[in-house]
Amino acid sequence: MTTASVISYGRRNRRLRFYCKGCRHHFSVNPCFVNKKAVLNDHLNGLSFRSLGRKYRLSPMSVWRICEQQLKRLPNNNQFTFKYCRQFSDTFVFDGKYFNIAGYDHDWAILWGIDYFKHDIPVFLLAPSESYHSWSKFFFYFRLINHYPQLVVCDDNVNLKLAARQHFPAVRIQTCFNHFKENIRRELKVRSDSAYRQFMGKIEAILAGKLNDQTLKQKLFAVYRDFKEDPVAVSVLANIQKYLPELTGYRGIPHSPVTSNIIEGINSHLEKRLQSLCSFQSLNYARLWFNGYVLKRRLTNFTDCRGKFRSLNGKCGVELTKKPGIAIPSLF
């Protein structure tokens, strides 16, 4: 077959159209260079296929093919961690974030956790719910990378706590102060009813930061003395007493957190991108996208770390946790 067998057939947008006399079929060629990595980066930043098509002057289907091709070339995040990373800290913050997949009558969840001191995300799992089975499967990946956290910070998710204790028998659980207080607010309905606002104010003052045993007991007893005739208030105080081991799990680990704010911030970052994407058309593509999103986040240098994390600026999570002497491949 020679070029003499091909006839130019005009142009459609930026694509040149041809007709092959040998096979009697039309075909087209795009002579313009498309930066496929830039397309993928924009997609992982939340641009939909339609928006990407307008930006790069491509059809949505062409953009989808490019993104899928680039995502399939990326290594699996969990396997990437096993191969390249090892130096994690002992404190992790875990949570689940729900998202939509077309064709399912319920939302799916990404289960993930962040190394509190190094801001890396070693493993993640997509699951149909935050069940014990799902969290157990998630924590099994930590055993594969041979890491056993000493402190787990999370909301009051019973399944997460049970699975963590199953896989890490010596682990301490720190229940997030903010989530714990929010559960009490909802129980007392303080936003719509002023009856327990004074009581709630005292509880919030106690759970505003870290206290030693003596101070904590004194403050709780003072609240009990003021509200001992109120069965609802006494019930709340009894529940706090029950949760004390999980509200003081941070003790003995310097600079450890009492809230899950760090992963809540990551969830908000993810939510902004999911809102523009609306939903995923298949579970397989959701897995590809989240794998790319997590890898990109791990390999992007920090720029806005403040306070005790200011020294992390200019570095990325993988750089802080990689094995000594290992060169990290360039993926984006």
C-alpha atoms as a PDB file:
ATOM      1  CA  MET A   1       0.000   0.000   0.000  1.00  0.00           C
ATOM      2  CA  THR A   2       1.429   3.425  -1.032  1.00  0.00           C
ATOM      3  CA  THR A   3       0.394   7.034  -0.502  1.00  0.00           C
ATOM      4  CA  ALA A   4      -1.021   6.942  -4.024  1.00  0.00           C
ATOM      5  CA  SER A   5      -3.783   4.716  -2.677  1.00  0.00           C
ATOM      6  CA  VAL A   6      -4.850   7.424  -0.193  1.00  0.00           C
ATOM      7  CA  ILE A   7      -6.941  10.429  -1.168  1.00  0.00           C
ATOM      8  CA  SER A   8      -7.240  13.539   0.954  1.00  0.00           C
ATOM      9  CA  TYR A   9     -10.888  13.980   1.898  1.00  0.00           C
ATOM     10  CA  GLY A  10     -10.921  17.355   3.646  1.00  0.00           C
ATOM     11  CA  ARG A  11     -10.816  18.407   7.284  1.00  0.00           C
ATOM     12  CA  ARG A  12     -13.082  18.149  10.326  1.00  0.00           C
ATOM     13  CA  ASN A  13     -12.082  20.488  13.153  1.00  0.00           C
ATOM     14  CA  ARG A  14      -8.353  19.818  13.537  1.00  0.00           C
ATOM     15  CA  ARG A  15      -8.433  16.305  12.060  1.00  0.00           C
ATOM     16  CA  LEU A  16      -7.414  15.573   8.461  1.00  0.00           C
ATOM     17  CA  ARG A  17      -9.726  13.128   6.704  1.00  0.00           C
ATOM     18  CA  PHE A  18      -8.597  10.572   4.121  1.00  0.00           C
ATOM     19  CA  TYR A  19     -10.041   7.839   1.948  1.00  0.00           C
ATOM     20  CA  CYS A  20      -8.188   4.587   1.290  1.00  0.00           C
ATOM     21  CA  LYS A  21      -8.863   3.184  -2.192  1.00  0.00           C
ATOM     22  CA  GLY A  22      -7.445  -0.193  -1.160  1.00  0.00           C
ATOM     23  CA  CYS A  23      -9.837  -0.998   1.705  1.00  0.00           C
ATOM     24  CA  ARG A  24     -12.462   1.596   0.685  1.00  0.00           C
ATOM     25  CA  HIS A  25     -12.692   3.117   4.169  1.00  0.00           C
ATOM     26  CA  HIS A  26     -12.426   6.635   5.477  1.00  0.00           C
ATOM     27  CA  PHE A  27     -10.025   7.483   8.308  1.00  0.00           C
ATOM     28  CA  SER A  28      -8.781  10.619  10.010  1.00  0.00           C
ATOM     29  CA  VAL A  29      -5.514  11.815  11.522  1.00  0.00           C
ATOM     30  CA  ASN A  30      -4.953  14.516  14.129  1.00  0.00           C
ATOM     31  CA  PRO A  31      -1.644  16.202  13.233  1.00  0.00           C
ATOM     32  CA  CYS A  32      -1.682  18.376  16.365  1.00  0.00           C
ATOM     33  CA  PHE A  33       0.252  17.331  19.463  1.00  0.00           C
ATOM     34  CA  VAL A  34      -1.863  16.730  22.559  1.00  0.00           C
ATOM     35  CA  ASN A  35      -0.141  16.791  25.941  1.00  0.00           C
ATOM     36  CA  LYS A  36      -1.759  13.665  27.355  1.00  0.00           C
ATOM     37  CA  LYS A  37      -0.257  14.097  30.827  1.00  0.00           C
ATOM     38  CA  ALA A  38      -1.703  17.601  31.010  1.00  0.00           C
ATOM     39  CA  VAL A  39      -5.108  16.226  30.021  1.00  0.00           C
ATOM     40  CA  LEU A  40      -4.867  13.608  32.782  1.00  0.00           C
ATOM     41  CA  ASN A  41      -3.748  16.147  35.395  1.00  0.00           C
ATOM     42  CA  ASP A  42      -6.700  18.380  34.552  1.00  0.00           C
ATOM     43  CA  HIS A  43      -9.053  15.404  34.765  1.00  0.00           C
ATOM     44  CA  LEU A  44      -7.694  14.423  38.190  1.00  0.00           C
ATOM     45  CA  ASN A  45      -8.206  18.038  39.236  1.00  0.00           C
ATOM     46  CA  GLY A  46     -11.911  17.645  38.535  1.00  0.00           C
ATOM     47  CA  LEU A  47     -12.477  18.656  34.909  1.00  0.00           C
ATOM     48  CA  SER A  48     -15.134  16.560  33.184  1.00  0.00           C
ATOM     49  CA  PHE A  49     -14.654  15.050  29.736  1.00  0.00           C
ATOM     50  CA  ARG A  50     -16.852  17.748  28.207  1.00  0.00           C
ATOM     51  CA  SER A  51     -14.846  20.541  29.854  1.00  0.00           C
ATOM     52  CA  LEU A  52     -11.578  18.909  28.798  1.00  0.00           C
ATOM     53  CA  GLY A  53     -12.886  18.595  25.247  1.00  0.00           C
ATOM     54  CA  ARG A  54     -13.564  22.319  25.100  1.00  0.00           C
ATOM     55  CA  LYS A  55     -10.155  23.168  26.570  1.00  0.00           C
ATOM     56  CA  TYR A  56      -8.119  20.921  24.258  1.00  0.00           C
ATOM     57  CA  ARG A  57     -10.483  21.085  21.268  1.00  0.00           C
ATOM     58  CA  LEU A  58     -11.143  17.360  21.318  1.00  0.00           C
ATOM     59  CA  SER A  59     -14.318  15.326  21.405  1.00  0.00           C
ATOM     60  CA  PRO A  60     -15.416  14.026  24.842  1.00  0.00           C
ATOM     61  CA  MET A  61     -14.871  10.466  23.596  1.00  0.00           C
ATOM     62  CA  SER A  62     -11.293  11.287  22.534  1.00  0.00           C
ATOM     63  CA  VAL A  63     -10.630  12.798  25.943  1.00  0.00           C
ATOM     64  CA  TRP A  64     -12.056   9.710  27.642  1.00  0.00           C
ATOM     65  CA  ARG A  65      -9.753   7.446  25.606  1.00  0.00           C
ATOM     66  CA  ILE A  66      -6.729   9.565  26.526  1.00  0.00           C
ATOM     67  CA  CYS A  67      -7.592   9.604  30.226  1.00  0.00           C
ATOM     68  CA  GLU A  68      -8.315   5.895  30.392  1.00  0.00           C
ATOM     69  CA  GLN A  69      -5.101   5.104  28.533  1.00  0.00           C
ATOM     70  CA  GLN A  70      -3.017   7.288  30.856  1.00  0.00           C
ATOM     71  CA  LEU A  71      -4.707   5.989  34.022  1.00  0.00           C
ATOM     72  CA  LYS A  72      -4.104   2.372  33.003  1.00  0.00           C
ATOM     73  CA  ARG A  73      -0.389   3.115  32.661  1.00  0.00           C
ATOM     74  CA  LEU A  74      -0.122   4.158  36.311  1.00  0.00           C
ATOM     75  CA  PRO A  75       0.989   1.570  38.878  1.00  0.00           C
ATOM     76  CA  ASN A  76      -1.454   0.334  41.490  1.00  0.00           C
ATOM     77  CA  ASN A  77      -1.115   2.660  44.496  1.00  0.00           C
ATOM     78  CA  ASN A  78      -1.024  -0.122  47.092  1.00  0.00           C
ATOM     79  CA  GLN A  79       1.588  -2.066  45.122  1.00  0.00           C
ATOM     80  CA  PHE A  80       3.532   1.175  44.624  1.00  0.00           C
ATOM     81  CA  THR A  81       3.662   1.577  48.420  1.00  0.00           C
ATOM     82  CA  PHE A  82       4.824  -2.015  48.909  1.00  0.00           C
ATOM     83  CA  LYS A  83       7.631  -1.516  46.377  1.00  0.00           C
ATOM     84  CA  TYR A  84       8.883   1.971  47.226  1.00  0.00           C
ATOM     85  CA  CYS A  85       7.756   3.068  50.725  1.00  0.00           C
ATOM     86  CA  ARG A  86       8.433   1.929  54.261  1.00  0.00           C
ATOM     87  CA  GLN A  87       9.191   4.789  56.665  1.00  0.00           C
ATOM     88  CA  PHE A  88       5.749   5.590  58.050  1.00  0.00           C
ATOM     89  CA  SER A  89       5.022   7.127  61.431  1.00  0.00           C
ATOM     90  CA  ASP A  90       3.017   5.376  64.141  1.00  0.00           C
ATOM     91  CA  THR A  91       0.016   7.730  63.997  1.00  0.00           C
ATOM     92  CA  PHE A  92      -2.655   7.453  61.294  1.00  0.00           C
ATOM     93  CA  VAL A  93      -5.985   9.193  60.758  1.00  0.00           C
ATOM     94  CA  PHE A  94      -8.648   7.109  58.974  1.00  0.00           C
ATOM     95  CA  ASP A  95     -11.994   7.896  57.385  1.00  0.00           C
ATOM     96  CA  GLY A  96     -14.334   6.960  54.559  1.00  0.00           C
ATOM     97  CA  LYS A  97     -15.694   9.246  51.839  1.00  0.00           C
ATOM     98  CA  TYR A  98     -18.795   8.362  49.793  1.00  0.00           C
ATOM     99  CA  PHE A  99     -19.203   8.998  46.058  1.00  0.00           C
ATOM    100  CA  ASN A 100     -21.651   8.136  43.289  1.00  0.00           C
ATOM    101  CA  ILE A 101     -21.354   5.496  40.558  1.00  0.00           C
ATOM    102  CA  ALA A 102     -23.968   5.398  37.805  1.00  0.00           C
ATOM    103  CA  GLY A 103     -26.114   2.274  37.848  1.00  0.00           C
ATOM    104  CA  TYR A 104     -25.852   1.647  41.589  1.00  0.00           C
ATOM    105  CA  ASP A 105     -28.733   2.378  43.948  1.00  0.00           C
ATOM    106  CA  HIS A 106     -26.285   3.251  46.749  1.00  0.00           C
ATOM    107  CA  ASP A 107     -23.096   5.272  47.032  1.00  0.00           C
ATOM    108  CA  TRP A 108     -19.696   3.618  47.258  1.00  0.00           C
ATOM    109  CA  ALA A 109     -16.960   4.670  49.688  1.00  0.00           C
ATOM    110  CA  ILE A 110     -13.244   5.214  49.459  1.00  0.00           C
ATOM    111  CA  LEU A 111     -11.608   3.952  52.648  1.00  0.00           C
ATOM    112  CA  TRP A 112      -8.259   5.593  53.267  1.00  0.00           C
ATOM    113  CA  GLY A 113      -5.934   6.912  55.915  1.00  0.00           C
ATOM    114  CA  ILE A 114      -3.189   9.501  56.129  1.00  0.00           C
ATOM    115  CA  ASP A 115       0.090   9.347  57.996  1.00  0.00           C
ATOM    116  CA  TYR A 116      -0.416  12.229  60.432  1.00  0.00           C
ATOM    117  CA  PHE A 117       3.217  13.317  60.674  1.00  0.00           C
ATOM    118  CA  LYS A 118       4.299  12.663  57.059  1.00  0.00           C
ATOM    119  CA  HIS A 119       1.021  13.328  55.217  1.00  0.00           C
ATOM    120  CA  ASP A 120       1.319  10.265  52.985  1.00  0.00           C
ATOM    121  CA  ILE A 121      -1.560   8.001  51.930  1.00  0.00           C
ATOM    122  CA  PRO A 122      -0.114   4.476  51.670  1.00  0.00           C
ATOM    123  CA  VAL A 123      -3.238   2.468  50.815  1.00  0.00           C
ATOM    124  CA  PHE A 124      -6.870   2.946  49.859  1.00  0.00           C
ATOM    125  CA  LEU A 125      -9.825   0.720  49.066  1.00  0.00           C
ATOM    126  CA  LEU A 126     -13.116   1.248  47.247  1.00  0.00           C
ATOM    127  CA  ALA A 127     -15.936  -0.528  49.051  1.00  0.00           C
ATOM    128  CA  PRO A 128     -19.748  -0.654  48.840  1.00  0.00           C
ATOM    129  CA  SER A 129     -20.010   0.470  52.477  1.00  0.00           C
ATOM    130  CA  GLU A 130     -18.039   1.106  55.653  1.00  0.00           C
ATOM    131  CA  SER A 131     -18.777  -2.361  56.984  1.00  0.00           C
ATOM    132  CA  TYR A 132     -16.514  -4.344  59.284  1.00  0.00           C
ATOM    133  CA  HIS A 133     -15.599  -6.611  56.358  1.00  0.00           C
ATOM    134  CA  SER A 134     -14.564  -3.615  54.231  1.00  0.00           C
ATOM    135  CA  TRP A 135     -12.439  -2.020  56.946  1.00  0.00           C
ATOM    136  CA  SER A 136     -10.892  -5.384  57.763  1.00  0.00           C
ATOM    137  CA  LYS A 137      -9.879  -5.831  54.125  1.00  0.00           C
ATOM    138  CA  PHE A 138      -8.482  -2.298  54.121  1.00  0.00           C
ATOM    139  CA  PHE A 139      -6.347  -2.848  57.233  1.00  0.00           C
ATOM    140  CA  PHE A 140      -5.074  -6.123  55.808  1.00  0.00           C
ATOM    141  CA  TYR A 141      -3.107  -4.035  53.273  1.00  0.00           C
ATOM    142  CA  PHE A 142      -1.196  -2.487  56.184  1.00  0.00           C
ATOM    143  CA  ARG A 143      -0.079  -5.945  57.205  1.00  0.00           C
ATOM    144  CA  LEU A 144       1.107  -6.555  53.639  1.00  0.00           C
ATOM    145  CA  ILE A 145       3.302  -3.430  53.763  1.00  0.00           C
ATOM    146  CA  ASN A 146       4.447  -4.568  57.225  1.00  0.00           C
ATOM    147  CA  HIS A 147       3.297  -1.500  59.134  1.00  0.00           C
ATOM    148  CA  TYR A 148       1.324  -1.530  62.378  1.00  0.00           C
ATOM    149  CA  PRO A 149       0.102   1.880  63.605  1.00  0.00           C
ATOM    150  CA  GLN A 150       0.243   2.553  67.340  1.00  0.00           C
ATOM    151  CA  LEU A 151      -2.443   5.236  67.320  1.00  0.00           C
ATOM    152  CA  VAL A 152      -5.547   5.319  65.131  1.00  0.00           C
ATOM    153  CA  VAL A 153      -7.538   8.565  65.053  1.00  0.00           C
ATOM    154  CA  CYS A 154     -11.059   8.319  63.628  1.00  0.00           C
ATOM    155  CA  ASP A 155     -14.685   9.288  64.082  1.00  0.00           C
ATOM    156  CA  ASP A 156     -17.018   7.118  66.163  1.00  0.00           C
ATOM    157  CA  ASN A 157     -17.222   4.370  63.537  1.00  0.00           C
ATOM    158  CA  VAL A 158     -17.653   1.069  65.375  1.00  0.00           C
ATOM    159  CA  ASN A 159     -16.727  -1.078  62.348  1.00  0.00           C
ATOM    160  CA  LEU A 160     -13.487   0.835  61.804  1.00  0.00           C
ATOM    161  CA  LYS A 161     -12.491   0.492  65.459  1.00  0.00           C
ATOM    162  CA  LEU A 162     -13.281  -3.222  65.617  1.00  0.00           C
ATOM    163  CA  ALA A 163     -11.317  -3.952  62.438  1.00  0.00           C
ATOM    164  CA  ALA A 164      -8.345  -1.872  63.625  1.00  0.00           C
ATOM    165  CA  ARG A 165      -8.202  -3.764  66.916  1.00  0.00           C
ATOM    166  CA  GLN A 166      -8.507  -7.073  65.069  1.00  0.00           C
ATOM    167  CA  HIS A 167      -5.503  -6.382  62.830  1.00  0.00           C
ATOM    168  CA  PHE A 168      -3.442  -4.302  65.300  1.00  0.00           C
ATOM    169  CA  PRO A 169      -4.048  -5.825  68.767  1.00  0.00           C
ATOM    170  CA  ALA A 170      -1.825  -3.277  70.554  1.00  0.00           C
ATOM    171  CA  VAL A 171      -3.295  -0.211  68.832  1.00  0.00           C
ATOM    172  CA  ARG A 172      -4.754   2.752  70.700  1.00  0.00           C
ATOM    173  CA  ILE A 173      -7.931   4.372  69.445  1.00  0.00           C
ATOM    174  CA  GLN A 174      -8.402   8.136  69.628  1.00  0.00           C
ATOM    175  CA  THR A 175     -12.000   9.167  68.941  1.00  0.00           C
ATOM    176  CA  CYS A 176     -12.154  12.551  67.224  1.00  0.00           C
ATOM    177  CA  PHE A 177     -13.219  15.241  69.709  1.00  0.00           C
ATOM    178  CA  ASN A 178     -15.185  17.125  67.058  1.00  0.00           C
ATOM    179  CA  HIS A 179     -17.222  14.101  65.978  1.00  0.00           C
ATOM    180  CA  PHE A 180     -17.821  13.057  69.567  1.00  0.00           C
ATOM    181  CA  LYS A 181     -19.110  16.524  70.506  1.00  0.00           C
ATOM    182  CA  GLU A 182     -21.268  16.669  67.380  1.00  0.00           C
ATOM    183  CA  ASN A 183     -22.935  13.389  68.364  1.00  0.00           C
ATOM    184  CA  ILE A 184     -23.805  14.914  71.739  1.00  0.00           C
ATOM    185  CA  ARG A 185     -25.164  18.071  70.082  1.00  0.00           C
ATOM    186  CA  ARG A 186     -27.462  15.998  67.904  1.00  0.00           C
ATOM    187  CA  GLU A 187     -28.614  13.911  70.855  1.00  0.00           C
ATOM    188  CA  LEU A 188     -29.452  17.049  72.878  1.00  0.00           C
ATOM    189  CA  LYS A 189     -30.763  18.966  69.805  1.00  0.00           C
ATOM    190  CA  VAL A 190     -28.989  22.097  70.999  1.00  0.00           C
ATOM    191  CA  ARG A 191     -29.292  23.842  67.631  1.00  0.00           C
ATOM    192  CA  SER A 192     -33.082  23.880  67.777  1.00  0.00           C
ATOM    193  CA  ASP A 193     -33.674  23.675  71.525  1.00  0.00           C
ATOM    194  CA  SER A 194     -31.938  25.890  74.084  1.00  0.00           C
ATOM    195  CA  ALA A 195     -32.639  23.608  77.068  1.00  0.00           C
ATOM    196  CA  TYR A 196     -29.178  22.016  77.121  1.00  0.00           C
ATOM    197  CA  ARG A 197     -27.040  24.727  75.542  1.00  0.00           C
ATOM    198  CA  GLN A 198     -25.445  25.707  78.851  1.00  0.00           C
ATOM    199  CA  PHE A 199     -24.663  22.062  79.601  1.00  0.00           C
ATOM    200  CA  MET A 200     -23.276  21.551  76.093  1.00  0.00           C
ATOM    201  CA  GLY A 201     -21.082  24.624  76.495  1.00  0.00           C
ATOM    202  CA  LYS A 202     -19.447  23.069  79.556  1.00  0.00           C
ATOM    203  CA  ILE A 203     -18.849  19.783  77.726  1.00  0.00           C
ATOM    204  CA  GLU A 204     -17.289  21.612  74.771  1.00  0.00           C
ATOM    205  CA  ALA A 205     -14.962  23.489  77.125  1.00  0.00           C
ATOM    206  CA  ILE A 206     -13.765  20.210  78.631  1.00  0.00           C
ATOM    207  CA  LEU A 207     -13.224  18.594  75.225  1.00  0.00           C
ATOM    208  CA  ALA A 208     -11.499  21.637  73.749  1.00  0.00           C
ATOM    209  CA  GLY A 209      -7.994  20.236  74.185  1.00  0.00           C
ATOM    210  CA  LYS A 210      -5.730  17.849  76.038  1.00  0.00           C
ATOM    211  CA  LEU A 211      -6.082  17.593  79.832  1.00  0.00           C
ATOM    212  CA  ASN A 212      -4.334  15.480  82.433  1.00  0.00           C
ATOM    213  CA  ASP A 213      -6.315  12.914  84.421  1.00  0.00           C
ATOM    214  CA  GLN A 214      -6.735  15.033  87.521  1.00  0.00           C
ATOM    215  CA  THR A 215      -7.953  18.141  85.683  1.00  0.00           C
ATOM    216  CA  LEU A 216     -10.271  16.112  83.456  1.00  0.00           C
ATOM    217  CA  LYS A 217     -11.902  14.330  86.402  1.00  0.00           C
ATOM    218  CA  GLN A 218     -12.297  17.585  88.336  1.00  0.00           C
ATOM    219  CA  LYS A 219     -14.002  19.318  85.431  1.00  0.00           C
ATOM    220  CA  LEU A 220     -16.340  16.387  84.741  1.00  0.00           C
ATOM    221  CA  PHE A 221     -17.265  16.132  88.430  1.00  0.00           C
ATOM    222  CA  ALA A 222     -18.001  19.862  88.521  1.00  0.00           C
ATOM    223  CA  VAL A 223     -20.449  19.448  85.623  1.00  0.00           C
ATOM    224  CA  TYR A 224     -22.010  16.409  87.304  1.00  0.00           C
ATOM    225  CA  ARG A 225     -22.483  18.393  90.532  1.00  0.00           C
ATOM    226  CA  ASP A 226     -24.353  21.115  88.635  1.00  0.00           C
ATOM    227  CA  PHE A 227     -26.590  18.750  86.604  1.00  0.00           C
ATOM    228  CA  LYS A 228     -26.908  15.627  88.776  1.00  0.00           C
ATOM    229  CA  GLU A 229     -30.695  16.058  89.006  1.00  0.00           C
ATOM    230  CA  ASP A 230     -31.061  15.904  85.190  1.00  0.00           C
ATOM    231  CA  PRO A 231     -31.170  12.287  83.920  1.00  0.00           C
ATOM    232  CA  VAL A 232     -30.326  13.320  80.335  1.00  0.00           C
ATOM    233  CA  ALA A 233     -27.224  15.216  81.417  1.00  0.00           C
ATOM    234  CA  VAL A 234     -26.170  12.385  83.717  1.00  0.00           C
ATOM    235  CA  SER A 235     -26.569   9.937  80.821  1.00  0.00           C
ATOM    236  CA  VAL A 236     -24.287  12.067  78.633  1.00  0.00           C
ATOM    237  CA  LEU A 237     -21.676  12.284  81.399  1.00  0.00           C
ATOM    238  CA  ALA A 238     -21.851   8.512  81.885  1.00  0.00           C
ATOM    239  CA  ASN A 239     -21.237   8.032  78.174  1.00  0.00           C
ATOM    240  CA  ILE A 240     -18.217  10.343  78.333  1.00  0.00           C
ATOM    241  CA  GLN A 241     -16.885   8.283  81.231  1.00  0.00           C
ATOM    242  CA  LYS A 242     -17.379   5.144  79.134  1.00  0.00           C
ATOM    243  CA  TYR A 243     -15.452   6.664  76.209  1.00  0.00           C
ATOM    244  CA  LEU A 244     -12.572   8.065  78.306  1.00  0.00           C
ATOM    245  CA  PRO A 245     -10.037   5.436  77.118  1.00  0.00           C
ATOM    246  CA  GLU A 246     -10.789   6.439  73.509  1.00  0.00           C
ATOM    247  CA  LEU A 247     -10.845  10.162  74.338  1.00  0.00           C
ATOM    248  CA  THR A 248      -7.386   9.959  75.895  1.00  0.00           C
ATOM    249  CA  GLY A 249      -5.730   7.550  73.450  1.00  0.00           C
ATOM    250  CA  TYR A 250      -3.289  10.284  72.431  1.00  0.00           C
ATOM    251  CA  ARG A 251      -1.429  10.133  75.739  1.00  0.00           C
ATOM    252  CA  GLY A 252       2.155   8.942  75.546  1.00  0.00           C
ATOM    253  CA  ILE A 253       2.509   9.917  71.858  1.00  0.00           C
ATOM    254  CA  PRO A 254       3.953  13.456  71.571  1.00  0.00           C
ATOM    255  CA  HIS A 255       2.153  15.926  69.286  1.00  0.00           C
ATOM    256  CA  SER A 256      -0.552  13.385  68.428  1.00  0.00           C
ATOM    257  CA  PRO A 257      -3.936  14.757  67.299  1.00  0.00           C
ATOM    258  CA  VAL A 258      -7.297  14.621  69.064  1.00  0.00           C
ATOM    259  CA  THR A 259      -9.328  15.367  65.928  1.00  0.00           C
ATOM    260  CA  SER A 260      -9.531  13.956  62.405  1.00  0.00           C
ATOM    261  CA  ASN A 261      -9.322  17.431  60.857  1.00  0.00           C
ATOM    262  CA  ILE A 262      -6.428  16.487  58.598  1.00  0.00           C
ATOM    263  CA  ILE A 263      -8.361  13.826  56.700  1.00  0.00           C
ATOM    264  CA  GLU A 264     -11.559  15.878  56.773  1.00  0.00           C
ATOM    265  CA  GLY A 265      -9.618  18.525  54.868  1.00  0.00           C
ATOM    266  CA  ILE A 266      -8.561  15.934  52.292  1.00  0.00           C
ATOM    267  CA  ASN A 267     -12.164  14.763  52.022  1.00  0.00           C
ATOM    268  CA  SER A 268     -13.239  18.360  51.279  1.00  0.00           C
ATOM    269  CA  HIS A 269     -10.513  18.636  48.636  1.00  0.00           C
ATOM    270  CA  LEU A 270     -11.784  15.436  47.040  1.00  0.00           C
ATOM    271  CA  GLU A 271     -15.436  16.516  47.272  1.00  0.00           C
ATOM    272  CA  LYS A 272     -14.762  19.618  45.137  1.00  0.00           C
ATOM    273  CA  ARG A 273     -13.400  17.406  42.361  1.00  0.00           C
ATOM    274  CA  LEU A 274     -16.204  14.869  42.630  1.00  0.00           C
ATOM    275  CA  GLN A 275     -18.845  17.621  42.383  1.00  0.00           C
ATOM    276  CA  SER A 276     -17.575  18.717  38.976  1.00  0.00           C
ATOM    277  CA  LEU A 277     -17.328  15.102  37.776  1.00  0.00           C
ATOM    278  CA  CYS A 278     -20.900  14.402  39.019  1.00  0.00           C
ATOM    279  CA  SER A 279     -20.532  10.601  38.969  1.00  0.00           C
ATOM    280  CA  PHE A 280     -18.480   7.768  37.534  1.00  0.00           C
ATOM    281  CA  GLN A 281     -19.954   5.698  34.726  1.00  0.00           C
ATOM    282  CA  SER A 282     -18.485   2.415  35.989  1.00  0.00           C
ATOM    283  CA  LEU A 283     -16.783   0.930  39.019  1.00  0.00           C
ATOM    284  CA  ASN A 284     -13.720   0.043  36.953  1.00  0.00           C
ATOM    285  CA  TYR A 285     -13.229   3.641  35.880  1.00  0.00           C
ATOM    286  CA  ALA A 286     -13.783   4.843  39.467  1.00  0.00           C
ATOM    287  CA  ARG A 287     -10.952   2.572  40.579  1.00  0.00           C
ATOM    288  CA  LEU A 288      -8.692   3.949  37.852  1.00  0.00           C
ATOM    289  CA  TRP A 289      -9.528   7.571  38.707  1.00  0.00           C
ATOM    290  CA  PHE A 290      -9.075   7.213  42.472  1.00  0.00           C
ATOM    291  CA  ASN A 291      -5.812   5.342  41.944  1.00  0.00           C
ATOM    292  CA  GLY A 292      -4.556   8.234  39.817  1.00  0.00           C
ATOM    293  CA  TYR A 293      -5.890  10.841  42.249  1.00  0.00           C
ATOM    294  CA  VAL A 294      -4.166   9.271  45.271  1.00  0.00           C
ATOM    295  CA  LEU A 295      -0.874   8.771  43.426  1.00  0.00           C
ATOM    296  CA  LYS A 296      -0.918  12.352  42.158  1.00  0.00           C
ATOM    297  CA  ARG A 297      -1.605  13.668  45.645  1.00  0.00           C
ATOM    298  CA  ARG A 298       1.214  11.601  47.119  1.00  0.00           C
ATOM    299  CA  LEU A 299       3.681  12.846  44.488  1.00  0.00           C
ATOM    300  CA  THR A 300       2.694  16.530  44.642  1.00  0.00           C
ATOM    301  CA  ASN A 301       4.834  18.808  46.810  1.00  0.00           C
ATOM    302  CA  PHE A 302       3.171  20.419  49.819  1.00  0.00           C
ATOM    303  CA  THR A 303       2.821  24.196  49.679  1.00  0.00           C
ATOM    304  CA  ASP A 304       0.372  25.221  52.431  1.00  0.00           C
ATOM    305  CA  CYS A 305       1.575  23.319  55.518  1.00  0.00           C
ATOM    306  CA  ARG A 306       1.612  25.507  58.628  1.00  0.00           C
ATOM    307  CA  GLY A 307       2.672  25.381  62.259  1.00  0.00           C
ATOM    308  CA  LYS A 308       4.483  22.189  63.232  1.00  0.00           C
ATOM    309  CA  PHE A 309       4.158  20.913  59.650  1.00  0.00           C
ATOM    310  CA  ARG A 310       5.821  23.919  58.017  1.00  0.00           C
ATOM    311  CA  SER A 311       8.993  21.896  57.381  1.00  0.00           C
ATOM    312  CA  LEU A 312       7.030  19.631  54.993  1.00  0.00           C
ATOM    313  CA  ASN A 313       6.588  22.411  52.409  1.00  0.00           C
ATOM    314  CA  GLY A 314       8.484  21.691  49.210  1.00  0.00           C
ATOM    315  CA  LYS A 315       8.356  17.947  49.815  1.00  0.00           C
ATOM    316  CA  CYS A 316       5.825  15.271  48.900  1.00  0.00           C
ATOM    317  CA  GLY A 317       4.411  12.423  50.954  1.00  0.00           C
ATOM    318  CA  VAL A 318       6.269   9.685  49.080  1.00  0.00           C
ATOM    319  CA  GLU A 319       9.552  11.555  49.509  1.00  0.00           C
ATOM    320  CA  LEU A 320       9.088  11.384  53.291  1.00  0.00           C
ATOM    321  CA  THR A 321       8.182   7.686  53.440  1.00  0.00           C
ATOM    322  CA  LYS A 322      10.220   6.074  50.657  1.00  0.00           C
ATOM    323  CA  LYS A 323      12.770   3.394  51.351  1.00  0.00           C
ATOM    324  CA  PRO A 324      16.382   4.608  51.677  1.00  0.00           C
ATOM    325  CA  GLY A 325      18.319   4.622  48.420  1.00  0.00           C
ATOM    326  CA  ILE A 326      15.185   4.137  46.276  1.00  0.00           C
ATOM    327  CA  ALA A 327      14.573   6.376  43.256  1.00  0.00           C
ATOM    328  CA  ILE A 328      10.908   7.246  42.753  1.00  0.00           C
ATOM    329  CA  PRO A 329       9.734   7.101  39.103  1.00  0.00           C
ATOM    330  CA  SER A 330       8.169  10.149  37.487  1.00  0.00           C
ATOM    331  CA  LEU A 331       4.484   9.448  36.869  1.00  0.00           C
ATOM    332  CA  PHE A 332       2.918  12.860  36.182  1.00  0.00           C
END
